[in-house]
Amino acid sequence: MSKPLLNTTPVETTDKEWKESCGKYGEASFTATKLEDDLMHTLKASTFLTYISVDDDDEDSFFLQTVCDDDGDEWYAIYTTVENAQNSSILEDSDFPDRHNVLVEVDYEFLLNELFNTGDDEIYGMVIDPETDAFTLGRDTLSNMGVEENDGVDHHETIGHRVPGNMEFSWLYDEYMEAQGEEEKDKFQSLMEDVVERSCLALMTIVNKSDLVTLPDGTYELKKDASMIIPSLSAEDDEGNELSYFPLFTSNEQIDKWGIKDNVELKEGQVLISECRPFNQHIATFFGAGEYDALLINPFDQAFVIGKEFIKAISGHQEEDETPAA
């Protein structure tokens, strides 16, 4: 469920930093890391305006208004000033019976929740000031930016925040569990695996404190080839076989359900860290760090299992004793 709206009384936002960052970013390549960081900082720090369509009889029943591009694709319409919002085409085109438009304040995290956490994949992304700058942020761009922001060591407070793949996981898992019939189960299994590939998941590891390098922003980086211990989980399958699982987590709240931060036994000089990494990096660790039978996402909640055969298929991994076909 989305977080509440910030305010139903619009306040003009005149964030010069937003305008400058938006312009520079729009003219540059997406690979410009500094501009990615600037844009993410601006998005997180800004308050935006958007129109919601509210049911006349139920103020809690609303949806965000959209605009269409030349191809007919829908985008959430976001505004940086009251003046821009008042010139919106939404006021001319959106006339629903028994509903009325309200201009409200929202933040970036609310917009992401609406876009990725409601199951509505018909919306292509968000467009900022559509009648003037028309700066677009599509689903893929937003996903990549979220992964980049979370990628690192010990982002305890922000694990999974603003990462669309992580945000989608829980509601999609609920759909997967409610699916009826093998064909529908397979469809949601495929969707779940796609979401995981677009996620930035946390792995809990024990490392030597001397192998952590403090970065200028106060976060950490693990030295290359540093030794680590991965606390794994094991359980019996339906046939009584003991299986070893490689546990990954979509959020800090999911890690807390394990209780490992309070119960882990550390030797002198050791620390417990969370490593948030894109899925493909976890695959490399999965095959390189031990004999695991499967990945286990959120083991103390959804406990979604991704088997070794699927991991091999998407990574192109081959066991050492396998011989590639001629």
C-alpha atoms as a PDB file:
ATOM      1  CA  MET A   1       0.000   0.000   0.000  1.00  0.00           C
ATOM      2  CA  SER A   2       1.286   3.479  -0.846  1.00  0.00           C
ATOM      3  CA  LYS A   3       2.409   5.867   1.855  1.00  0.00           C
ATOM      4  CA  PRO A   4      -0.091   8.681   2.596  1.00  0.00           C
ATOM      5  CA  LEU A   5      -0.161  11.845   0.534  1.00  0.00           C
ATOM      6  CA  LEU A   6       2.009  14.559   2.044  1.00  0.00           C
ATOM      7  CA  ASN A   7      -0.627  17.275   1.983  1.00  0.00           C
ATOM      8  CA  THR A   8      -3.896  18.024   0.239  1.00  0.00           C
ATOM      9  CA  THR A   9      -3.118  21.753   0.175  1.00  0.00           C
ATOM     10  CA  PRO A  10      -0.691  22.527  -2.670  1.00  0.00           C
ATOM     11  CA  VAL A  11       2.388  24.614  -1.921  1.00  0.00           C
ATOM     12  CA  GLU A  12       4.470  26.069  -4.719  1.00  0.00           C
ATOM     13  CA  THR A  13       7.863  24.408  -5.169  1.00  0.00           C
ATOM     14  CA  THR A  14      10.582  26.656  -6.571  1.00  0.00           C
ATOM     15  CA  ASP A  15      13.577  24.361  -6.422  1.00  0.00           C
ATOM     16  CA  LYS A  16      16.252  25.868  -8.662  1.00  0.00           C
ATOM     17  CA  GLU A  17      18.482  22.859  -8.025  1.00  0.00           C
ATOM     18  CA  TRP A  18      15.785  20.619  -9.507  1.00  0.00           C
ATOM     19  CA  LYS A  19      15.612  22.640 -12.722  1.00  0.00           C
ATOM     20  CA  GLU A  20      19.389  22.699 -13.181  1.00  0.00           C
ATOM     21  CA  SER A  21      19.804  18.986 -12.504  1.00  0.00           C
ATOM     22  CA  CYS A  22      16.908  18.119 -14.797  1.00  0.00           C
ATOM     23  CA  GLY A  23      18.352  20.150 -17.672  1.00  0.00           C
ATOM     24  CA  LYS A  24      21.874  18.806 -17.354  1.00  0.00           C
ATOM     25  CA  TYR A  25      20.641  15.245 -17.052  1.00  0.00           C
ATOM     26  CA  GLY A  26      18.374  15.533 -20.060  1.00  0.00           C
ATOM     27  CA  GLU A  27      21.272  16.606 -22.255  1.00  0.00           C
ATOM     28  CA  ALA A  28      23.730  13.946 -21.046  1.00  0.00           C
ATOM     29  CA  SER A  29      24.204  10.237 -21.467  1.00  0.00           C
ATOM     30  CA  PHE A  30      22.616   7.980 -18.849  1.00  0.00           C
ATOM     31  CA  THR A  31      26.076   6.571 -18.176  1.00  0.00           C
ATOM     32  CA  ALA A  32      27.191   9.881 -16.650  1.00  0.00           C
ATOM     33  CA  THR A  33      27.416   8.625 -13.051  1.00  0.00           C
ATOM     34  CA  LYS A  34      27.789  12.072 -11.428  1.00  0.00           C
ATOM     35  CA  LEU A  35      24.625  13.289 -13.130  1.00  0.00           C
ATOM     36  CA  GLU A  36      22.771  10.129 -12.077  1.00  0.00           C
ATOM     37  CA  ASP A  37      23.719  10.869  -8.467  1.00  0.00           C
ATOM     38  CA  ASP A  38      22.706  14.537  -8.794  1.00  0.00           C
ATOM     39  CA  LEU A  39      19.360  13.616 -10.295  1.00  0.00           C
ATOM     40  CA  MET A  40      18.592  11.023  -7.620  1.00  0.00           C
ATOM     41  CA  HIS A  41      19.522  13.514  -4.890  1.00  0.00           C
ATOM     42  CA  THR A  42      17.213  16.110  -6.433  1.00  0.00           C
ATOM     43  CA  LEU A  43      14.331  13.654  -6.850  1.00  0.00           C
ATOM     44  CA  LYS A  44      14.602  12.569  -3.206  1.00  0.00           C
ATOM     45  CA  ALA A  45      14.823  16.152  -1.928  1.00  0.00           C
ATOM     46  CA  SER A  46      11.983  17.595  -4.012  1.00  0.00           C
ATOM     47  CA  THR A  47       8.281  17.870  -3.358  1.00  0.00           C
ATOM     48  CA  PHE A  48       6.139  17.604  -6.474  1.00  0.00           C
ATOM     49  CA  LEU A  49       2.561  18.357  -7.410  1.00  0.00           C
ATOM     50  CA  THR A  50       0.172  16.008  -9.137  1.00  0.00           C
ATOM     51  CA  TYR A  51      -3.523  15.678  -9.782  1.00  0.00           C
ATOM     52  CA  ILE A  52      -5.468  12.870  -8.202  1.00  0.00           C
ATOM     53  CA  SER A  53      -8.976  11.871  -9.214  1.00  0.00           C
ATOM     54  CA  VAL A  54     -11.015  11.415  -6.039  1.00  0.00           C
ATOM     55  CA  ASP A  55     -14.343   9.648  -5.632  1.00  0.00           C
ATOM     56  CA  ASP A  56     -17.038  12.170  -4.612  1.00  0.00           C
ATOM     57  CA  ASP A  57     -18.309   9.811  -1.900  1.00  0.00           C
ATOM     58  CA  ASP A  58     -14.987   8.376  -0.689  1.00  0.00           C
ATOM     59  CA  GLU A  59     -11.923  10.608  -0.369  1.00  0.00           C
ATOM     60  CA  ASP A  60      -9.714   7.582   0.286  1.00  0.00           C
ATOM     61  CA  SER A  61     -10.524   6.216  -3.171  1.00  0.00           C
ATOM     62  CA  PHE A  62      -8.261   7.966  -5.657  1.00  0.00           C
ATOM     63  CA  PHE A  63      -5.900   7.409  -8.557  1.00  0.00           C
ATOM     64  CA  LEU A  64      -3.172   9.542 -10.081  1.00  0.00           C
ATOM     65  CA  GLN A  65      -4.060  11.350 -13.273  1.00  0.00           C
ATOM     66  CA  THR A  66      -2.057  10.616 -16.418  1.00  0.00           C
ATOM     67  CA  VAL A  67      -1.193  12.201 -19.742  1.00  0.00           C
ATOM     68  CA  CYS A  68      -0.608  10.396 -23.037  1.00  0.00           C
ATOM     69  CA  ASP A  69       2.352  10.730 -25.397  1.00  0.00           C
ATOM     70  CA  ASP A  70       2.109  10.706 -29.195  1.00  0.00           C
ATOM     71  CA  ASP A  71       1.969   6.887 -29.179  1.00  0.00           C
ATOM     72  CA  GLY A  72      -0.949   6.839 -26.763  1.00  0.00           C
ATOM     73  CA  ASP A  73       1.175   5.576 -23.832  1.00  0.00           C
ATOM     74  CA  GLU A  74       0.177   6.814 -20.373  1.00  0.00           C
ATOM     75  CA  TRP A  75       2.533   8.614 -17.956  1.00  0.00           C
ATOM     76  CA  TYR A  76       1.936  10.024 -14.492  1.00  0.00           C
ATOM     77  CA  ALA A  77       1.900  13.829 -14.811  1.00  0.00           C
ATOM     78  CA  ILE A  78       4.109  15.560 -12.223  1.00  0.00           C
ATOM     79  CA  TYR A  79       4.584  19.310 -11.779  1.00  0.00           C
ATOM     80  CA  THR A  80       7.269  21.450 -10.133  1.00  0.00           C
ATOM     81  CA  THR A  81       5.166  24.625  -9.704  1.00  0.00           C
ATOM     82  CA  VAL A  82       1.538  25.528  -9.160  1.00  0.00           C
ATOM     83  CA  GLU A  83       1.633  27.626 -12.326  1.00  0.00           C
ATOM     84  CA  ASN A  84       2.645  24.630 -14.445  1.00  0.00           C
ATOM     85  CA  ALA A  85      -0.032  22.491 -12.827  1.00  0.00           C
ATOM     86  CA  GLN A  86      -2.722  25.079 -13.487  1.00  0.00           C
ATOM     87  CA  ASN A  87      -1.859  24.965 -17.195  1.00  0.00           C
ATOM     88  CA  SER A  88      -2.181  21.170 -17.302  1.00  0.00           C
ATOM     89  CA  SER A  89      -4.129  19.525 -20.084  1.00  0.00           C
ATOM     90  CA  ILE A  90      -5.564  17.233 -17.394  1.00  0.00           C
ATOM     91  CA  LEU A  91      -7.978  19.992 -16.396  1.00  0.00           C
ATOM     92  CA  GLU A  92      -9.421  19.967 -19.913  1.00  0.00           C
ATOM     93  CA  ASP A  93      -9.414  16.255 -20.700  1.00  0.00           C
ATOM     94  CA  SER A  94     -10.183  14.443 -17.440  1.00  0.00           C
ATOM     95  CA  ASP A  95     -13.901  14.487 -16.805  1.00  0.00           C
ATOM     96  CA  PHE A  96     -15.042  11.415 -14.852  1.00  0.00           C
ATOM     97  CA  PRO A  97     -18.602  11.220 -13.492  1.00  0.00           C
ATOM     98  CA  ASP A  98     -18.868  11.263  -9.678  1.00  0.00           C
ATOM     99  CA  ARG A  99     -15.196  12.189  -9.316  1.00  0.00           C
ATOM    100  CA  HIS A 100     -13.236  15.431  -8.942  1.00  0.00           C
ATOM    101  CA  ASN A 101      -9.594  16.441  -9.389  1.00  0.00           C
ATOM    102  CA  VAL A 102      -7.441  17.569  -6.463  1.00  0.00           C
ATOM    103  CA  LEU A 103      -3.947  19.020  -6.793  1.00  0.00           C
ATOM    104  CA  VAL A 104      -1.750  17.533  -4.044  1.00  0.00           C
ATOM    105  CA  GLU A 105       1.835  17.422  -2.844  1.00  0.00           C
ATOM    106  CA  VAL A 106       3.705  14.152  -3.264  1.00  0.00           C
ATOM    107  CA  ASP A 107       7.285  13.008  -2.861  1.00  0.00           C
ATOM    108  CA  TYR A 108       9.420  10.748  -5.027  1.00  0.00           C
ATOM    109  CA  GLU A 109       8.910   7.633  -2.905  1.00  0.00           C
ATOM    110  CA  PHE A 110       5.132   8.008  -3.070  1.00  0.00           C
ATOM    111  CA  LEU A 111       5.299   8.239  -6.857  1.00  0.00           C
ATOM    112  CA  LEU A 112       7.451   5.113  -7.075  1.00  0.00           C
ATOM    113  CA  ASN A 113       4.989   3.241  -4.872  1.00  0.00           C
ATOM    114  CA  GLU A 114       2.111   4.225  -7.112  1.00  0.00           C
ATOM    115  CA  LEU A 115       4.041   3.211 -10.217  1.00  0.00           C
ATOM    116  CA  PHE A 116       5.540  -0.090  -9.082  1.00  0.00           C
ATOM    117  CA  ASN A 117       3.688  -1.283  -6.000  1.00  0.00           C
ATOM    118  CA  THR A 118       0.094  -1.373  -7.198  1.00  0.00           C
ATOM    119  CA  GLY A 119       0.259  -3.972  -9.948  1.00  0.00           C
ATOM    120  CA  ASP A 120      -0.633  -1.448 -12.679  1.00  0.00           C
ATOM    121  CA  ASP A 121       1.980  -1.989 -15.377  1.00  0.00           C
ATOM    122  CA  GLU A 122       0.059   0.027 -17.991  1.00  0.00           C
ATOM    123  CA  ILE A 123       1.754   3.265 -16.866  1.00  0.00           C
ATOM    124  CA  TYR A 124       5.059   3.809 -18.647  1.00  0.00           C
ATOM    125  CA  GLY A 125       6.638   6.088 -16.034  1.00  0.00           C
ATOM    126  CA  MET A 126       6.396   9.708 -14.935  1.00  0.00           C
ATOM    127  CA  VAL A 127       6.723  12.917 -16.923  1.00  0.00           C
ATOM    128  CA  ILE A 128       7.695  16.117 -15.129  1.00  0.00           C
ATOM    129  CA  ASP A 129       6.047  19.344 -16.346  1.00  0.00           C
ATOM    130  CA  PRO A 130       4.537  17.661 -19.432  1.00  0.00           C
ATOM    131  CA  GLU A 131       3.329  20.892 -21.063  1.00  0.00           C
ATOM    132  CA  THR A 132       6.756  22.587 -20.845  1.00  0.00           C
ATOM    133  CA  ASP A 133       9.973  20.623 -20.176  1.00  0.00           C
ATOM    134  CA  ALA A 134       8.317  17.205 -20.566  1.00  0.00           C
ATOM    135  CA  PHE A 135      11.171  15.448 -18.758  1.00  0.00           C
ATOM    136  CA  THR A 136      10.406  11.714 -18.756  1.00  0.00           C
ATOM    137  CA  LEU A 137      11.546   8.988 -16.385  1.00  0.00           C
ATOM    138  CA  GLY A 138      10.554   5.580 -17.715  1.00  0.00           C
ATOM    139  CA  ARG A 139      10.282   2.346 -15.770  1.00  0.00           C
ATOM    140  CA  ASP A 140      13.687   1.017 -16.877  1.00  0.00           C
ATOM    141  CA  THR A 141      15.460   4.275 -16.016  1.00  0.00           C
ATOM    142  CA  LEU A 142      13.842   4.393 -12.578  1.00  0.00           C
ATOM    143  CA  SER A 143      14.775   0.747 -11.956  1.00  0.00           C
ATOM    144  CA  ASN A 144      18.412   1.330 -12.924  1.00  0.00           C
ATOM    145  CA  MET A 145      18.648   4.443 -10.752  1.00  0.00           C
ATOM    146  CA  GLY A 146      17.220   2.587  -7.742  1.00  0.00           C
ATOM    147  CA  VAL A 147      19.709  -0.257  -8.097  1.00  0.00           C
ATOM    148  CA  GLU A 148      22.608   2.200  -8.434  1.00  0.00           C
ATOM    149  CA  GLU A 149      21.555   4.060  -5.282  1.00  0.00           C
ATOM    150  CA  ASN A 150      21.272   0.895  -3.156  1.00  0.00           C
ATOM    151  CA  ASP A 151      24.346  -0.880  -4.505  1.00  0.00           C
ATOM    152  CA  GLY A 152      26.874  -0.997  -1.660  1.00  0.00           C
ATOM    153  CA  VAL A 153      27.692  -2.088   1.874  1.00  0.00           C
ATOM    154  CA  ASP A 154      25.619  -1.417   4.999  1.00  0.00           C
ATOM    155  CA  HIS A 155      22.769   0.640   3.571  1.00  0.00           C
ATOM    156  CA  HIS A 156      20.708  -0.616   6.509  1.00  0.00           C
ATOM    157  CA  GLU A 157      18.125   2.163   6.507  1.00  0.00           C
ATOM    158  CA  THR A 158      17.570   2.229   2.763  1.00  0.00           C
ATOM    159  CA  ILE A 159      17.791  -1.409   1.634  1.00  0.00           C
ATOM    160  CA  GLY A 160      15.203  -1.797  -1.074  1.00  0.00           C
ATOM    161  CA  HIS A 161      13.909   1.760  -0.806  1.00  0.00           C
ATOM    162  CA  ARG A 162      13.351   3.317  -4.209  1.00  0.00           C
ATOM    163  CA  VAL A 163      14.308   0.055  -5.961  1.00  0.00           C
ATOM    164  CA  PRO A 164      11.277  -0.850  -8.095  1.00  0.00           C
ATOM    165  CA  GLY A 165      12.196  -4.547  -8.309  1.00  0.00           C
ATOM    166  CA  ASN A 166      12.334  -4.823  -4.510  1.00  0.00           C
ATOM    167  CA  MET A 167       9.109  -2.864  -4.152  1.00  0.00           C
ATOM    168  CA  GLU A 168       7.240  -5.088  -6.598  1.00  0.00           C
ATOM    169  CA  PHE A 169       8.353  -8.328  -4.974  1.00  0.00           C
ATOM    170  CA  SER A 170       5.843  -8.550  -2.116  1.00  0.00           C
ATOM    171  CA  TRP A 171       2.619  -7.774  -3.983  1.00  0.00           C
ATOM    172  CA  LEU A 172       3.677  -9.965  -6.902  1.00  0.00           C
ATOM    173  CA  TYR A 173       4.440 -12.829  -4.527  1.00  0.00           C
ATOM    174  CA  ASP A 174       0.912 -12.516  -3.115  1.00  0.00           C
ATOM    175  CA  GLU A 175      -0.452 -12.804  -6.664  1.00  0.00           C
ATOM    176  CA  TYR A 176       1.781 -15.825  -7.243  1.00  0.00           C
ATOM    177  CA  MET A 177       0.437 -17.566  -4.136  1.00  0.00           C
ATOM    178  CA  GLU A 178      -3.169 -16.873  -5.125  1.00  0.00           C
ATOM    179  CA  ALA A 179      -2.679 -18.097  -8.704  1.00  0.00           C
ATOM    180  CA  GLN A 180      -4.860 -21.041  -9.658  1.00  0.00           C
ATOM    181  CA  GLY A 181      -3.680 -23.809 -11.954  1.00  0.00           C
ATOM    182  CA  GLU A 182      -0.225 -24.749 -13.212  1.00  0.00           C
ATOM    183  CA  GLU A 183      -0.270 -22.386 -16.196  1.00  0.00           C
ATOM    184  CA  GLU A 184      -1.086 -19.336 -14.084  1.00  0.00           C
ATOM    185  CA  LYS A 185       1.487 -20.387 -11.465  1.00  0.00           C
ATOM    186  CA  ASP A 186       4.137 -20.642 -14.181  1.00  0.00           C
ATOM    187  CA  LYS A 187       3.229 -17.164 -15.438  1.00  0.00           C
ATOM    188  CA  PHE A 188       3.701 -15.584 -12.025  1.00  0.00           C
ATOM    189  CA  GLN A 189       6.845 -17.641 -11.400  1.00  0.00           C
ATOM    190  CA  SER A 190       8.298 -16.096 -14.554  1.00  0.00           C
ATOM    191  CA  LEU A 191       7.237 -12.609 -13.470  1.00  0.00           C
ATOM    192  CA  MET A 192       8.775 -13.139 -10.029  1.00  0.00           C
ATOM    193  CA  GLU A 193      12.070 -14.212 -11.543  1.00  0.00           C
ATOM    194  CA  ASP A 194      12.044 -11.132 -13.796  1.00  0.00           C
ATOM    195  CA  VAL A 195      11.467  -8.875 -10.781  1.00  0.00           C
ATOM    196  CA  VAL A 196      14.350 -10.480  -8.883  1.00  0.00           C
ATOM    197  CA  GLU A 197      16.661  -9.833 -11.839  1.00  0.00           C
ATOM    198  CA  ARG A 198      15.781  -6.107 -11.576  1.00  0.00           C
ATOM    199  CA  SER A 199      16.272  -5.964  -7.815  1.00  0.00           C
ATOM    200  CA  CYS A 200      19.098  -4.916  -5.534  1.00  0.00           C
ATOM    201  CA  LEU A 201      19.085  -7.585  -2.846  1.00  0.00           C
ATOM    202  CA  ALA A 202      20.936  -7.745   0.459  1.00  0.00           C
ATOM    203  CA  LEU A 203      23.246 -10.573   1.494  1.00  0.00           C
ATOM    204  CA  MET A 204      24.382 -10.756   5.119  1.00  0.00           C
ATOM    205  CA  THR A 205      28.085 -11.567   5.445  1.00  0.00           C
ATOM    206  CA  ILE A 206      30.737 -11.640   8.153  1.00  0.00           C
ATOM    207  CA  VAL A 207      33.984  -9.904   7.194  1.00  0.00           C
ATOM    208  CA  ASN A 208      37.094  -8.561   8.841  1.00  0.00           C
ATOM    209  CA  LYS A 209      36.662  -4.916   9.805  1.00  0.00           C
ATOM    210  CA  SER A 210      40.095  -4.184   8.353  1.00  0.00           C
ATOM    211  CA  ASP A 211      38.733  -5.134   4.900  1.00  0.00           C
ATOM    212  CA  LEU A 212      36.180  -2.298   4.921  1.00  0.00           C
ATOM    213  CA  VAL A 213      37.142   1.001   3.296  1.00  0.00           C
ATOM    214  CA  THR A 214      35.207   4.118   4.356  1.00  0.00           C
ATOM    215  CA  LEU A 215      34.040   6.202   1.387  1.00  0.00           C
ATOM    216  CA  PRO A 216      33.669  10.022   1.388  1.00  0.00           C
ATOM    217  CA  ASP A 217      29.860   9.786   1.754  1.00  0.00           C
ATOM    218  CA  GLY A 218      30.202   7.728   4.942  1.00  0.00           C
ATOM    219  CA  THR A 219      29.319   4.389   3.348  1.00  0.00           C
ATOM    220  CA  TYR A 220      31.705   1.469   2.982  1.00  0.00           C
ATOM    221  CA  GLU A 221      33.341  -0.563   0.308  1.00  0.00           C
ATOM    222  CA  LEU A 222      34.675  -4.071   0.736  1.00  0.00           C
ATOM    223  CA  LYS A 223      38.212  -4.634  -0.469  1.00  0.00           C
ATOM    224  CA  LYS A 224      38.520  -6.796  -3.551  1.00  0.00           C
ATOM    225  CA  ASP A 225      39.069 -10.496  -2.801  1.00  0.00           C
ATOM    226  CA  ALA A 226      38.325  -9.941   0.906  1.00  0.00           C
ATOM    227  CA  SER A 227      37.439 -13.134   2.742  1.00  0.00           C
ATOM    228  CA  MET A 228      33.865 -13.491   3.934  1.00  0.00           C
ATOM    229  CA  ILE A 229      31.610 -15.889   5.785  1.00  0.00           C
ATOM    230  CA  ILE A 230      28.042 -16.201   4.523  1.00  0.00           C
ATOM    231  CA  PRO A 231      25.548 -17.391   7.156  1.00  0.00           C
ATOM    232  CA  SER A 232      23.431 -19.834   5.177  1.00  0.00           C
ATOM    233  CA  LEU A 233      20.159 -21.591   5.909  1.00  0.00           C
ATOM    234  CA  SER A 234      19.225 -25.239   5.516  1.00  0.00           C
ATOM    235  CA  ALA A 235      15.969 -27.175   5.474  1.00  0.00           C
ATOM    236  CA  GLU A 236      14.584 -30.488   4.341  1.00  0.00           C
ATOM    237  CA  ASP A 237      12.634 -30.728   1.107  1.00  0.00           C
ATOM    238  CA  ASP A 238       9.460 -32.783   0.682  1.00  0.00           C
ATOM    239  CA  GLU A 239      11.555 -35.931   0.163  1.00  0.00           C
ATOM    240  CA  GLY A 240      13.625 -35.453   3.309  1.00  0.00           C
ATOM    241  CA  ASN A 241      16.782 -34.231   1.564  1.00  0.00           C
ATOM    242  CA  GLU A 242      18.803 -31.579   3.399  1.00  0.00           C
ATOM    243  CA  LEU A 243      19.137 -28.508   1.170  1.00  0.00           C
ATOM    244  CA  SER A 244      21.415 -25.500   1.635  1.00  0.00           C
ATOM    245  CA  TYR A 245      19.980 -22.078   0.808  1.00  0.00           C
ATOM    246  CA  PHE A 246      21.695 -18.812  -0.099  1.00  0.00           C
ATOM    247  CA  PRO A 247      19.528 -16.177   1.685  1.00  0.00           C
ATOM    248  CA  LEU A 248      18.808 -12.776   0.106  1.00  0.00           C
ATOM    249  CA  PHE A 249      16.580  -9.968   1.361  1.00  0.00           C
ATOM    250  CA  THR A 250      14.554  -7.190  -0.268  1.00  0.00           C
ATOM    251  CA  SER A 251      14.568  -4.821   2.725  1.00  0.00           C
ATOM    252  CA  ASN A 252      15.987  -4.172   6.163  1.00  0.00           C
ATOM    253  CA  GLU A 253      12.603  -5.140   7.628  1.00  0.00           C
ATOM    254  CA  GLN A 254      13.002  -8.593   6.083  1.00  0.00           C
ATOM    255  CA  ILE A 255      16.509  -8.944   7.560  1.00  0.00           C
ATOM    256  CA  ASP A 256      15.165  -8.044  11.003  1.00  0.00           C
ATOM    257  CA  LYS A 257      12.798 -11.026  10.825  1.00  0.00           C
ATOM    258  CA  TRP A 258      15.895 -13.250  10.870  1.00  0.00           C
ATOM    259  CA  GLY A 259      17.250 -11.670  14.057  1.00  0.00           C
ATOM    260  CA  ILE A 260      20.811 -12.310  12.944  1.00  0.00           C
ATOM    261  CA  LYS A 261      22.049  -8.826  13.868  1.00  0.00           C
ATOM    262  CA  ASP A 262      21.286  -9.526  17.526  1.00  0.00           C
ATOM    263  CA  ASN A 263      22.362 -13.173  17.673  1.00  0.00           C
ATOM    264  CA  VAL A 264      25.393 -13.508  15.411  1.00  0.00           C
ATOM    265  CA  GLU A 265      28.615 -14.712  17.049  1.00  0.00           C
ATOM    266  CA  LEU A 266      31.601 -12.671  15.914  1.00  0.00           C
ATOM    267  CA  LYS A 267      35.292 -13.231  16.553  1.00  0.00           C
ATOM    268  CA  GLU A 268      37.584 -10.322  17.425  1.00  0.00           C
ATOM    269  CA  GLY A 269      37.980  -8.006  14.429  1.00  0.00           C
ATOM    270  CA  GLN A 270      34.906  -9.325  12.631  1.00  0.00           C
ATOM    271  CA  VAL A 271      31.751  -7.378  11.713  1.00  0.00           C
ATOM    272  CA  LEU A 272      28.393  -8.335  10.224  1.00  0.00           C
ATOM    273  CA  ILE A 273      27.510  -6.329   7.120  1.00  0.00           C
ATOM    274  CA  SER A 274      24.784  -6.263   4.514  1.00  0.00           C
ATOM    275  CA  GLU A 275      25.918  -6.278   0.919  1.00  0.00           C
ATOM    276  CA  CYS A 276      23.300  -4.838  -1.422  1.00  0.00           C
ATOM    277  CA  ARG A 277      24.099  -5.960  -4.946  1.00  0.00           C
ATOM    278  CA  PRO A 278      22.370  -6.375  -8.300  1.00  0.00           C
ATOM    279  CA  PHE A 279      21.129  -9.901  -8.842  1.00  0.00           C
ATOM    280  CA  ASN A 280      23.853 -10.879 -11.333  1.00  0.00           C
ATOM    281  CA  GLN A 281      26.571 -10.142  -8.754  1.00  0.00           C
ATOM    282  CA  HIS A 282      24.870 -12.395  -6.228  1.00  0.00           C
ATOM    283  CA  ILE A 283      24.832 -15.165  -8.825  1.00  0.00           C
ATOM    284  CA  ALA A 284      28.635 -14.995  -9.041  1.00  0.00           C
ATOM    285  CA  THR A 285      28.867 -15.286  -5.245  1.00  0.00           C
ATOM    286  CA  PHE A 286      26.299 -18.110  -5.236  1.00  0.00           C
ATOM    287  CA  PHE A 287      28.516 -20.267  -7.446  1.00  0.00           C
ATOM    288  CA  GLY A 288      31.833 -19.129  -6.006  1.00  0.00           C
ATOM    289  CA  ALA A 289      31.246 -19.202  -2.256  1.00  0.00           C
ATOM    290  CA  GLY A 290      29.974 -22.684  -1.546  1.00  0.00           C
ATOM    291  CA  GLU A 291      27.712 -25.586  -2.417  1.00  0.00           C
ATOM    292  CA  TYR A 292      24.242 -24.099  -2.392  1.00  0.00           C
ATOM    293  CA  ASP A 293      21.138 -25.793  -3.730  1.00  0.00           C
ATOM    294  CA  ALA A 294      19.036 -22.677  -4.315  1.00  0.00           C
ATOM    295  CA  LEU A 295      18.535 -18.987  -3.654  1.00  0.00           C
ATOM    296  CA  LEU A 296      15.969 -18.117  -0.990  1.00  0.00           C
ATOM    297  CA  ILE A 297      14.406 -14.628  -1.111  1.00  0.00           C
ATOM    298  CA  ASN A 298      13.011 -13.275   2.195  1.00  0.00           C
ATOM    299  CA  PRO A 299      13.326 -16.650   3.937  1.00  0.00           C
ATOM    300  CA  PHE A 300      11.315 -15.637   7.026  1.00  0.00           C
ATOM    301  CA  ASP A 301       8.376 -14.240   5.099  1.00  0.00           C
ATOM    302  CA  GLN A 302       7.666 -15.152   1.463  1.00  0.00           C
ATOM    303  CA  ALA A 303      10.499 -17.724   1.265  1.00  0.00           C
ATOM    304  CA  PHE A 304      10.612 -17.596  -2.532  1.00  0.00           C
ATOM    305  CA  VAL A 305      12.966 -20.279  -3.886  1.00  0.00           C
ATOM    306  CA  ILE A 306      14.960 -19.894  -7.110  1.00  0.00           C
ATOM    307  CA  GLY A 307      16.520 -23.214  -8.074  1.00  0.00           C
ATOM    308  CA  LYS A 308      20.066 -23.784  -9.257  1.00  0.00           C
ATOM    309  CA  GLU A 309      18.977 -24.891 -12.730  1.00  0.00           C
ATOM    310  CA  PHE A 310      17.245 -21.571 -13.402  1.00  0.00           C
ATOM    311  CA  ILE A 311      20.245 -19.654 -12.072  1.00  0.00           C
ATOM    312  CA  LYS A 312      22.528 -21.599 -14.405  1.00  0.00           C
ATOM    313  CA  ALA A 313      20.232 -20.908 -17.338  1.00  0.00           C
ATOM    314  CA  ILE A 314      20.126 -17.124 -16.903  1.00  0.00           C
ATOM    315  CA  SER A 315      23.825 -16.801 -16.036  1.00  0.00           C
ATOM    316  CA  GLY A 316      25.315 -19.187 -18.601  1.00  0.00           C
ATOM    317  CA  HIS A 317      27.182 -20.833 -15.734  1.00  0.00           C
ATOM    318  CA  GLN A 318      28.691 -24.277 -16.236  1.00  0.00           C
ATOM    319  CA  GLU A 319      30.031 -26.570 -13.559  1.00  0.00           C
ATOM    320  CA  GLU A 320      33.750 -27.244 -13.701  1.00  0.00           C
ATOM    321  CA  ASP A 321      33.239 -30.852 -14.728  1.00  0.00           C
ATOM    322  CA  GLU A 322      30.913 -29.894 -17.568  1.00  0.00           C
ATOM    323  CA  THR A 323      32.339 -29.805 -21.054  1.00  0.00           C
ATOM    324  CA  PRO A 324      30.907 -27.188 -23.424  1.00  0.00           C
ATOM    325  CA  ALA A 325      29.350 -28.558 -26.579  1.00  0.00           C
ATOM    326  CA  ALA A 326      31.554 -28.406 -29.648  1.00  0.00           C
END
